Protein backbone atom coordinates (compact mmCIF):
# COMPACT_ATOMS: atom_id res chain seq x y z
CA MET A 1 51.22 102.25 85.37
CA TYR A 2 48.07 101.96 87.51
CA ARG A 3 48.55 98.18 87.55
CA GLN A 4 51.38 98.70 90.05
CA PHE A 5 48.82 100.07 92.54
CA LEU A 6 46.32 97.28 91.98
CA PRO A 7 48.05 94.95 94.47
CA ILE A 8 47.73 97.61 97.19
CA ILE A 9 44.01 97.98 96.51
CA LEU A 10 43.49 94.21 96.44
CA LEU A 11 45.54 93.73 99.61
CA THR A 12 43.44 96.35 101.36
CA ILE A 13 40.19 94.65 100.35
CA SER A 14 41.54 91.25 101.38
CA ASN A 15 42.60 92.63 104.76
CA VAL A 16 39.16 94.04 105.44
CA PHE A 17 37.66 90.58 104.86
CA MET A 18 40.35 88.85 106.92
CA THR A 19 40.02 91.25 109.83
CA PHE A 20 36.30 90.51 109.99
CA ALA A 21 36.97 86.78 109.63
CA TRP A 22 39.49 86.76 112.48
CA TYR A 23 38.04 89.35 114.86
CA GLY A 24 34.45 90.14 113.85
CA HIS A 25 33.08 87.29 115.94
CA LEU A 26 34.39 88.91 119.13
CA LYS A 27 31.15 90.90 119.29
CA PHE A 28 29.15 87.65 119.22
CA LYS A 29 30.55 85.74 122.19
CA SER A 30 27.25 83.99 122.88
CA THR A 31 27.20 82.43 119.39
CA ALA A 32 28.37 78.82 119.26
CA LEU A 33 32.04 78.46 118.43
CA TRP A 34 31.38 76.08 115.52
CA THR A 35 29.07 78.69 113.98
CA VAL A 36 31.60 81.51 114.13
CA ILE A 37 34.27 79.18 112.75
CA LEU A 38 32.11 78.39 109.71
CA VAL A 39 31.24 82.04 109.20
CA SER A 40 34.90 83.03 109.59
CA TRP A 41 35.99 80.43 107.04
CA SER A 42 33.37 81.71 104.60
CA ILE A 43 34.65 85.27 104.99
CA ALA A 44 38.26 84.06 104.71
CA PHE A 45 37.44 82.47 101.35
CA LEU A 46 36.54 85.93 100.06
CA GLU A 47 39.81 87.22 101.48
CA TYR A 48 41.75 84.69 99.43
CA CYS A 49 39.88 85.76 96.28
CA PHE A 50 41.62 89.14 96.65
CA GLN A 51 44.88 88.11 98.34
CA VAL A 52 46.02 85.60 95.73
CA PRO A 53 45.57 87.96 92.74
CA ALA A 54 47.20 90.76 94.74
CA ASN A 55 50.32 88.69 95.26
CA ARG A 56 50.32 87.30 91.72
CA ILE A 57 50.02 90.75 90.12
CA GLY A 58 52.19 92.42 92.75
CA HIS A 59 55.08 90.04 92.22
CA GLU A 60 55.53 91.57 88.76
CA TYR A 61 56.57 94.82 90.48
CA PHE A 62 57.65 93.90 94.01
CA SER A 63 59.66 91.18 95.70
CA ALA A 64 57.87 88.70 97.94
CA ALA A 65 59.40 90.41 101.00
CA GLN A 66 58.08 93.77 99.83
CA LEU A 67 54.62 92.32 99.22
CA LYS A 68 54.57 90.76 102.69
CA THR A 69 55.70 94.03 104.25
CA MET A 70 52.96 95.95 102.43
CA GLN A 71 50.42 93.40 103.57
CA GLU A 72 51.48 93.73 107.21
CA VAL A 73 51.32 97.53 107.13
CA ILE A 74 47.90 97.42 105.48
CA THR A 75 46.79 94.87 108.08
CA LEU A 76 47.82 97.19 110.92
CA ILE A 77 46.00 100.14 109.38
CA VAL A 78 42.84 98.15 108.67
CA PHE A 79 42.93 96.52 112.09
CA SER A 80 43.45 99.84 113.87
CA ILE A 81 40.41 101.32 112.16
CA PHE A 82 38.42 98.13 112.80
CA SER A 83 39.30 97.93 116.49
CA ILE A 84 38.39 101.57 117.08
CA THR A 85 35.19 101.69 115.02
CA TYR A 86 33.79 98.15 115.25
CA LEU A 87 35.13 96.80 118.52
CA LYS A 88 35.11 100.24 120.20
CA GLU A 89 38.57 99.70 121.65
CA GLU A 90 40.93 102.48 122.63
CA PHE A 91 43.98 103.20 120.48
CA LYS A 92 46.87 103.57 122.91
CA TRP A 93 50.15 105.44 122.56
CA ASN A 94 52.23 102.27 122.71
CA TYR A 95 50.39 100.92 119.64
CA LEU A 96 51.51 104.01 117.75
CA ALA A 97 55.08 103.55 119.01
CA GLY A 98 55.08 99.93 117.83
CA PHE A 99 53.68 100.94 114.44
CA PHE A 100 56.48 103.47 114.12
CA PHE A 101 59.05 100.70 114.34
CA ILE A 102 57.16 98.65 111.78
CA ILE A 103 57.21 101.64 109.42
CA LEU A 104 60.94 101.83 110.07
CA ALA A 105 61.14 98.20 108.93
CA VAL A 106 59.33 99.22 105.74
CA PHE A 107 62.06 101.74 105.08
CA PHE A 108 64.77 99.10 105.36
CA ILE A 109 62.92 96.58 103.21
CA PHE A 110 62.07 99.00 100.39
CA LYS A 111 65.35 100.95 100.42
CA LYS A 112 67.57 100.21 97.43
CA TRP A 113 70.95 99.48 99.04
């Protein structure tokens, strides 16, 4: 039964790596672009080491659309925490409003009609 939750854990780990790969370099604007690209690709490789198994295992329990929806929600949560704690950016009310509509999309995708 726990195996059903493994994709969520793996997707969360993969999203942490991918968020750093895509946005971590924003704190290092004086570093050469080619350097941050190589570092980002190295981090992204680690992301794939978690993402691919998450989708492979997860597809035993969820449809591809459900997996993608989970991944997007996890991405928003991880990114929100990252942008507040690492980038020191403000979390605005309109972000929360937008996330609400994404959660509404989750309802429609996971609802058994």
